Structures are given as structure tokens and as C-alpha cells.
Amino acid sequence: MDMTRQIISFLGALLILVGYAGHQMGWIDARRPGYNILNAAGSAILFWIALHPFQIGFIVLEGVWTAISLWALARPRTA
């Protein structure tokens, strides 16, 4: 089970880092849904991982990161 959690947390971190690196390199537009989907999915995975064992700092960080990413996905788009 421990190796499974490690793999899952690695994938969560990888999703966030792909979005971040893609944005920094100009490959991903942060105003497009794909960027926020990567962030929301990655941070939600890491939030879940941080619940057991309970790690308050990571829970707050990943919970807020997920909420902001989901808000950015749900907000109305301007032309």
C-alpha cells in the first residue's frame, strides 16, 4: 500500500509541475482550462494523500490550491 501511495502522490505532483513548467515555458496558457485542470487534479490528489497521515500544512496548501483552481475553471470567460 505504501508504494501505491508514493506513486499516486508522484502523479499528483507531476500534474502540477507539468502545468507550471508548461506555463513558464510558454507551452500552456494559464487562462485556458487545461492549465487549471492540471492544477486542480494534481492538488486534489496531494490533498487526499495528506489526509492519511494527517498533515495540516499540506492539507491547507493543497485544499486552497484545489479550490482556487476549481474557481478559475468555473468563472465566466471574457472574450
N, C-alpha and C. Protein backbone atom coordinates (compact mmCIF):
# COMPACT_ATOMS: atom_id res chain seq x y z
N MET A 1 0.82 -1.20 0.00
CA MET A 1 0.00 0.00 0.00
C MET A 1 0.86 1.26 0.00
N ASP A 2 1.99 1.24 0.73
CA ASP A 2 2.83 2.42 0.81
C ASP A 2 3.38 2.80 -0.56
N MET A 3 3.80 1.84 -1.35
CA MET A 3 4.32 2.14 -2.69
C MET A 3 3.22 2.71 -3.58
N THR A 4 2.00 2.23 -3.43
CA THR A 4 0.87 2.76 -4.20
C THR A 4 0.66 4.23 -3.87
N ARG A 5 0.69 4.58 -2.59
CA ARG A 5 0.53 5.98 -2.18
C ARG A 5 1.66 6.85 -2.72
N GLN A 6 2.86 6.31 -2.74
CA GLN A 6 4.00 7.06 -3.28
C GLN A 6 3.82 7.34 -4.77
N ILE A 7 3.35 6.35 -5.50
CA ILE A 7 3.13 6.51 -6.94
C ILE A 7 2.02 7.52 -7.19
N ILE A 8 0.93 7.42 -6.43
CA ILE A 8 -0.18 8.35 -6.58
C ILE A 8 0.26 9.78 -6.26
N SER A 9 1.03 9.96 -5.18
CA SER A 9 1.48 11.31 -4.83
C SER A 9 2.45 11.85 -5.88
N PHE A 10 3.28 10.98 -6.44
CA PHE A 10 4.19 11.39 -7.51
C PHE A 10 3.39 11.89 -8.72
N LEU A 11 2.33 11.17 -9.08
CA LEU A 11 1.50 11.57 -10.22
C LEU A 11 0.81 12.91 -9.95
N GLY A 12 0.35 13.12 -8.71
CA GLY A 12 -0.26 14.40 -8.35
C GLY A 12 0.73 15.54 -8.50
N ALA A 13 1.93 15.35 -7.98
CA ALA A 13 2.97 16.38 -8.10
C ALA A 13 3.33 16.60 -9.56
N LEU A 14 3.41 15.54 -10.33
CA LEU A 14 3.75 15.64 -11.74
C LEU A 14 2.72 16.47 -12.51
N LEU A 15 1.45 16.28 -12.21
CA LEU A 15 0.41 17.07 -12.88
C LEU A 15 0.61 18.56 -12.63
N ILE A 16 0.86 18.93 -11.37
CA ILE A 16 1.08 20.33 -11.04
C ILE A 16 2.33 20.86 -11.74
N LEU A 17 3.40 20.08 -11.70
CA LEU A 17 4.65 20.52 -12.29
C LEU A 17 4.58 20.63 -13.81
N VAL A 18 3.81 19.77 -14.46
CA VAL A 18 3.62 19.88 -15.91
C VAL A 18 2.92 21.20 -16.24
N GLY A 19 1.89 21.52 -15.47
CA GLY A 19 1.20 22.79 -15.68
C GLY A 19 2.10 23.99 -15.44
N TYR A 20 2.86 23.95 -14.36
CA TYR A 20 3.76 25.05 -14.01
C TYR A 20 4.86 25.21 -15.07
N ALA A 21 5.53 24.12 -15.39
CA ALA A 21 6.61 24.19 -16.37
C ALA A 21 6.07 24.59 -17.74
N GLY A 22 4.93 24.03 -18.10
CA GLY A 22 4.32 24.38 -19.39
C GLY A 22 3.99 25.86 -19.47
N HIS A 23 3.51 26.41 -18.39
CA HIS A 23 3.20 27.85 -18.36
C HIS A 23 4.48 28.67 -18.45
N GLN A 24 5.48 28.31 -17.66
CA GLN A 24 6.74 29.05 -17.66
C GLN A 24 7.45 28.99 -19.01
N MET A 25 7.33 27.88 -19.69
CA MET A 25 7.99 27.71 -21.00
C MET A 25 7.15 28.26 -22.15
N GLY A 26 5.92 28.69 -21.85
CA GLY A 26 5.06 29.24 -22.89
C GLY A 26 4.30 28.20 -23.68
N TRP A 27 4.28 26.96 -23.20
CA TRP A 27 3.57 25.88 -23.89
C TRP A 27 2.10 25.79 -23.48
N ILE A 28 1.78 26.29 -22.29
CA ILE A 28 0.41 26.21 -21.77
C ILE A 28 -0.02 27.62 -21.38
N ASP A 29 -1.18 28.01 -21.84
CA ASP A 29 -1.76 29.31 -21.48
C ASP A 29 -2.50 29.16 -20.17
N ALA A 30 -2.10 29.92 -19.15
CA ALA A 30 -2.72 29.82 -17.82
C ALA A 30 -4.18 30.26 -17.83
N ARG A 31 -4.62 30.92 -18.88
CA ARG A 31 -6.03 31.33 -18.97
C ARG A 31 -6.92 30.28 -19.61
N ARG A 32 -6.32 29.19 -20.06
CA ARG A 32 -7.08 28.11 -20.69
C ARG A 32 -7.42 27.04 -19.66
N PRO A 33 -8.49 26.30 -19.87
CA PRO A 33 -8.91 25.29 -18.89
C PRO A 33 -7.88 24.20 -18.60
N GLY A 34 -7.09 23.81 -19.57
CA GLY A 34 -6.12 22.73 -19.35
C GLY A 34 -5.17 23.00 -18.19
N TYR A 35 -4.72 24.23 -18.08
CA TYR A 35 -3.81 24.61 -17.00
C TYR A 35 -4.46 24.40 -15.64
N ASN A 36 -5.69 24.86 -15.50
CA ASN A 36 -6.40 24.73 -14.22
C ASN A 36 -6.84 23.29 -13.95
N ILE A 37 -7.09 22.53 -14.99
CA ILE A 37 -7.42 21.12 -14.80
C ILE A 37 -6.21 20.38 -14.24
N LEU A 38 -5.02 20.64 -14.79
CA LEU A 38 -3.80 20.03 -14.26
C LEU A 38 -3.60 20.40 -12.79
N ASN A 39 -3.76 21.68 -12.47
CA ASN A 39 -3.60 22.13 -11.09
C ASN A 39 -4.64 21.53 -10.16
N ALA A 40 -5.89 21.53 -10.57
CA ALA A 40 -6.97 21.01 -9.71
C ALA A 40 -6.79 19.52 -9.46
N ALA A 41 -6.49 18.77 -10.51
CA ALA A 41 -6.33 17.33 -10.36
C ALA A 41 -5.12 16.99 -9.50
N GLY A 42 -4.00 17.63 -9.78
CA GLY A 42 -2.78 17.36 -9.01
C GLY A 42 -2.91 17.73 -7.55
N SER A 43 -3.47 18.91 -7.27
CA SER A 43 -3.60 19.33 -5.88
C SER A 43 -4.66 18.52 -5.14
N ALA A 44 -5.71 18.08 -5.83
CA ALA A 44 -6.71 17.23 -5.18
C ALA A 44 -6.09 15.88 -4.79
N ILE A 45 -5.26 15.34 -5.65
CA ILE A 45 -4.58 14.09 -5.32
C ILE A 45 -3.69 14.27 -4.10
N LEU A 46 -2.89 15.34 -4.09
CA LEU A 46 -1.99 15.58 -2.96
C LEU A 46 -2.76 15.90 -1.68
N PHE A 47 -3.92 16.56 -1.80
CA PHE A 47 -4.78 16.81 -0.65
C PHE A 47 -5.22 15.48 -0.04
N TRP A 48 -5.67 14.57 -0.88
CA TRP A 48 -6.12 13.26 -0.42
C TRP A 48 -4.98 12.51 0.27
N ILE A 49 -3.79 12.56 -0.33
CA ILE A 49 -2.63 11.89 0.25
C ILE A 49 -2.30 12.48 1.62
N ALA A 50 -2.44 13.79 1.77
CA ALA A 50 -2.08 14.47 3.04
C ALA A 50 -3.04 14.15 4.17
N LEU A 51 -4.21 13.60 3.86
CA LEU A 51 -5.18 13.27 4.92
C LEU A 51 -4.72 12.12 5.80
N HIS A 52 -3.96 11.19 5.23
CA HIS A 52 -3.52 10.00 5.98
C HIS A 52 -2.05 9.73 5.72
N PRO A 53 -1.15 10.04 6.60
CA PRO A 53 -1.37 10.60 7.93
C PRO A 53 -1.71 12.09 7.82
N PHE A 54 -2.44 12.56 8.81
CA PHE A 54 -2.94 13.93 8.84
C PHE A 54 -1.77 14.91 8.87
N GLN A 55 -1.67 15.75 7.83
CA GLN A 55 -0.60 16.74 7.72
C GLN A 55 -1.23 18.10 7.42
N ILE A 56 -1.51 18.87 8.47
CA ILE A 56 -2.30 20.09 8.35
C ILE A 56 -1.73 21.09 7.35
N GLY A 57 -0.42 21.27 7.34
CA GLY A 57 0.17 22.23 6.40
C GLY A 57 -0.11 21.88 4.96
N PHE A 58 0.05 20.61 4.62
CA PHE A 58 -0.21 20.18 3.25
C PHE A 58 -1.71 20.16 2.94
N ILE A 59 -2.53 19.85 3.92
CA ILE A 59 -3.97 19.87 3.72
C ILE A 59 -4.45 21.28 3.38
N VAL A 60 -3.96 22.27 4.14
CA VAL A 60 -4.33 23.66 3.86
C VAL A 60 -3.82 24.08 2.48
N LEU A 61 -2.55 23.82 2.20
CA LEU A 61 -1.97 24.21 0.92
C LEU A 61 -2.71 23.59 -0.25
N GLU A 62 -2.87 22.29 -0.22
CA GLU A 62 -3.49 21.60 -1.35
C GLU A 62 -4.99 21.85 -1.44
N GLY A 63 -5.64 22.00 -0.28
CA GLY A 63 -7.07 22.31 -0.29
C GLY A 63 -7.36 23.67 -0.92
N VAL A 64 -6.57 24.67 -0.54
CA VAL A 64 -6.74 26.01 -1.12
C VAL A 64 -6.36 26.00 -2.60
N TRP A 65 -5.29 25.31 -2.94
CA TRP A 65 -4.85 25.22 -4.34
C TRP A 65 -5.95 24.60 -5.20
N THR A 66 -6.56 23.54 -4.69
CA THR A 66 -7.66 22.89 -5.42
C THR A 66 -8.84 23.84 -5.58
N ALA A 67 -9.21 24.51 -4.49
CA ALA A 67 -10.36 25.43 -4.52
C ALA A 67 -10.13 26.56 -5.52
N ILE A 68 -8.95 27.15 -5.52
CA ILE A 68 -8.65 28.24 -6.45
C ILE A 68 -8.67 27.74 -7.89
N SER A 69 -8.11 26.58 -8.14
CA SER A 69 -8.11 26.02 -9.50
C SER A 69 -9.52 25.72 -9.98
N LEU A 70 -10.35 25.18 -9.10
CA LEU A 70 -11.74 24.90 -9.48
C LEU A 70 -12.51 26.20 -9.71
N TRP A 71 -12.25 27.22 -8.88
CA TRP A 71 -12.91 28.51 -9.07
C TRP A 71 -12.51 29.09 -10.44
N ALA A 72 -11.24 28.99 -10.77
CA ALA A 72 -10.77 29.52 -12.07
C ALA A 72 -11.43 28.77 -13.24
N LEU A 73 -11.68 27.48 -13.05
CA LEU A 73 -12.36 26.72 -14.11
C LEU A 73 -13.82 27.11 -14.23
N ALA A 74 -14.46 27.46 -13.13
CA ALA A 74 -15.89 27.73 -13.12
C ALA A 74 -16.24 29.17 -13.45
N ARG A 75 -15.29 30.08 -13.33
CA ARG A 75 -15.60 31.50 -13.55
C ARG A 75 -15.94 31.75 -15.02
N PRO A 76 -16.77 32.75 -15.24
CA PRO A 76 -17.12 33.08 -16.63
C PRO A 76 -15.90 33.56 -17.40
N ARG A 77 -15.81 33.18 -18.64
CA ARG A 77 -14.72 33.58 -19.51
C ARG A 77 -15.07 34.90 -20.19
N THR A 78 -14.07 35.77 -20.27
CA THR A 78 -14.27 37.01 -21.01
C THR A 78 -13.65 36.86 -22.38
N ALA A 79 -14.23 37.52 -23.35
CA ALA A 79 -13.73 37.40 -24.74
C ALA A 79 -12.48 38.18 -24.97
